[in-house]
Each structure stands twice: as structure tokens, then as C-alpha cells.
Amino acid sequence: QVQLVESGGGLVQAGGSLRLSCAASGRTLSGYAMGWFRQAPGKERELVTAITRSGDNTYYRDSVKGRFTMSRDNAKNTVYLQMNSLKPEDTAVYYCAADMRARGWGYSWVSYDYWGQGTQVTVSS
């Protein structure tokens, strides 16, 4: 079992920045690909970014490329999401998730085995 706890969400003006953290306990995160998902009211949960077990490759959805950066520190058992140039359309609950696959990452939420409780990000215009 892996327990994931997100932190760092909040209210920010458009153009601002936030850094989300996802701390794991129970097992080492080095055995998991990791993803950040988000879900806005009335919308499906969508993959924002993902990273391989080793951190050598990442994925970003088009709408966040150049603005968001995902990283991981396996020694600290933590993954991060640095969000810059935030837009009102980035407003959502953000979740981190762990995927047991050996290579790559899952693109759908059904691929992920463990989830955090989510943290609210609100971007005002």
C-alpha cells in the first residue's frame, strides 16, 4: 500500500505560480510511475503530466506545456508540480497518483493504483 498526500494548493491570481507536492508513505515511490491529474467541476479527470519511475522522461498535456514542470525526488519519496503562468482554466482539484507499470506511464486514470486526496487550485482572473 502507498499513501499519497498532496499539498501546496490555494488561490492565486492569473499569471501567478504554485508548487504542489505529493509525499508518499508506506512504500518507496521509486517503484512507481507518477502522474498529476486534475478535475474541474462537471468535467472528467484528466492527466496533466506524468513521469517515469526513474524520472528520465515526462509527459505534459498540450495546454500546460512550457508552464508546468513535474519532477520527483525518490530519496525524499516526493513528487512535485511547479505551475507557472497559471490561467483561470487551470482551476481544478489536483491529484497525484501512482502507477505500478515498469515502463512509461498510464494516460487514463484507470491505469493508476494509488491516489492522494486532492488539493484545490483556484486561479482568479
Protein backbone atom coordinates (compact mmCIF):
# COMPACT_ATOMS: atom_id res chain seq x y z
CA GLN A 1 0.00 0.00 0.00
CA VAL A 2 1.10 3.53 -0.79
CA GLN A 3 -0.38 6.55 0.90
CA LEU A 4 -0.14 9.81 -1.03
CA VAL A 5 -0.70 13.26 0.43
CA GLU A 6 -0.82 16.38 -1.73
CA SER A 7 -0.12 19.88 -0.51
CA GLY A 8 0.52 23.33 -1.91
CA GLY A 9 -2.79 24.19 -3.48
CA GLY A 10 -4.52 27.51 -2.97
CA LEU A 11 -5.89 30.66 -4.55
CA VAL A 12 -3.69 32.60 -6.94
CA GLN A 13 -4.20 35.33 -9.49
CA ALA A 14 -3.80 34.63 -13.18
CA GLY A 15 -0.14 34.71 -14.12
CA GLY A 16 0.93 33.53 -10.69
CA SER A 17 2.66 30.35 -9.60
CA LEU A 18 2.07 27.45 -7.25
CA ARG A 19 4.13 24.41 -6.35
CA LEU A 20 2.30 21.24 -5.47
CA SER A 21 3.95 18.44 -3.53
CA CYS A 22 2.92 14.82 -3.18
CA ALA A 23 4.53 12.95 -0.33
CA ALA A 24 4.36 9.19 -0.14
CA SER A 25 4.49 6.77 2.75
CA GLY A 26 4.19 3.03 3.02
CA ARG A 27 6.44 2.18 0.08
CA THR A 28 9.18 3.85 -1.88
CA LEU A 29 7.96 5.83 -4.87
CA SER A 30 10.88 4.66 -6.98
CA GLY A 31 8.81 1.62 -7.88
CA TYR A 32 6.06 3.70 -9.49
CA ALA A 33 5.47 5.94 -12.43
CA MET A 34 3.69 9.03 -11.15
CA GLY A 35 1.05 11.28 -12.57
CA TRP A 36 -0.71 14.51 -11.73
CA PHE A 37 -4.37 14.62 -12.70
CA ARG A 38 -6.91 17.38 -12.35
CA GLN A 39 -10.67 17.51 -12.28
CA ALA A 40 -12.75 20.63 -12.70
CA PRO A 41 -16.46 20.71 -11.75
CA GLY A 42 -18.56 18.91 -14.33
CA LYS A 43 -15.52 17.66 -16.23
CA GLU A 44 -13.68 14.37 -16.44
CA ARG A 45 -10.46 13.74 -14.58
CA GLU A 46 -7.59 14.41 -16.97
CA LEU A 47 -3.90 13.63 -16.96
CA VAL A 48 -1.86 16.81 -16.67
CA THR A 49 1.63 15.38 -16.53
CA ALA A 50 3.40 12.12 -15.80
CA ILE A 51 6.91 10.92 -15.11
CA THR A 52 8.68 7.60 -15.37
CA ARG A 53 9.98 5.65 -12.39
CA SER A 54 13.49 6.99 -12.85
CA GLY A 55 12.43 10.49 -13.79
CA ASP A 56 14.18 10.28 -17.16
CA ASN A 57 11.08 11.02 -19.21
CA THR A 58 7.99 13.14 -18.74
CA TYR A 59 4.68 13.83 -20.45
CA TYR A 60 2.70 17.09 -20.47
CA ARG A 61 -0.70 17.74 -21.94
CA ASP A 62 -0.57 20.44 -24.59
CA SER A 63 -2.37 23.07 -22.54
CA VAL A 64 0.32 23.10 -19.83
CA LYS A 65 3.47 22.64 -21.89
CA GLY A 66 6.01 25.35 -21.15
CA ARG A 67 4.17 26.38 -17.97
CA PHE A 68 4.17 23.28 -15.74
CA THR A 69 7.12 21.16 -14.67
CA MET A 70 6.88 17.82 -12.95
CA SER A 71 9.79 16.39 -11.02
CA ARG A 72 10.46 13.69 -8.49
CA ASP A 73 12.88 13.15 -5.65
CA ASN A 74 12.92 9.45 -4.94
CA ALA A 75 15.21 9.97 -1.95
CA LYS A 76 12.54 12.15 -0.35
CA ASN A 77 9.71 9.95 -1.64
CA THR A 78 8.07 13.04 -3.09
CA VAL A 79 6.93 14.32 -6.46
CA TYR A 80 6.37 17.94 -7.35
CA LEU A 81 4.38 20.01 -9.80
CA GLN A 82 5.65 23.51 -10.43
CA MET A 83 2.91 25.56 -12.07
CA ASN A 84 3.78 28.92 -13.59
CA SER A 85 1.78 31.41 -15.64
CA LEU A 86 -1.41 30.00 -14.23
CA LYS A 87 -4.66 30.60 -16.06
CA PRO A 88 -8.27 30.52 -14.82
CA GLU A 89 -8.80 27.34 -16.87
CA ASP A 90 -6.22 25.60 -14.66
CA THR A 91 -8.69 25.80 -11.78
CA ALA A 92 -9.41 22.27 -10.55
CA VAL A 93 -8.74 19.75 -7.85
CA TYR A 94 -5.29 18.31 -8.48
CA TYR A 95 -4.49 14.71 -7.61
CA CYS A 96 -1.24 12.80 -7.61
CA ALA A 97 -1.36 9.12 -8.47
CA ALA A 98 1.00 6.14 -8.58
CA ASP A 99 1.18 3.59 -11.39
CA MET A 100 2.95 0.25 -10.86
CA ARG A 101 3.89 -0.25 -14.53
CA ALA A 102 7.58 -0.86 -15.22
CA ARG A 103 7.89 1.45 -18.24
CA GLY A 104 6.29 4.69 -19.29
CA TRP A 105 3.06 5.86 -17.63
CA GLY A 106 -0.65 5.49 -17.96
CA TYR A 107 -2.73 8.11 -19.73
CA SER A 108 -6.04 7.17 -18.16
CA TRP A 109 -6.99 7.44 -14.51
CA VAL A 110 -7.93 3.75 -14.54
CA SER A 111 -4.25 2.85 -15.00
CA TYR A 112 -3.25 4.24 -11.62
CA ASP A 113 -3.21 2.18 -8.48
CA TYR A 114 -2.96 4.71 -5.66
CA TRP A 115 -4.34 8.24 -5.27
CA GLY A 116 -3.98 11.19 -3.00
CA GLN A 117 -6.96 13.04 -1.59
CA GLY A 118 -6.52 16.02 -3.89
CA THR A 119 -5.69 19.68 -3.41
CA GLN A 120 -7.72 22.60 -4.74
CA VAL A 121 -6.10 25.06 -7.11
CA THR A 122 -8.12 28.18 -7.90
CA VAL A 123 -6.88 30.76 -10.37
CA SER A 124 -8.72 34.07 -10.40
CA SER A 125 -8.86 36.30 -13.44
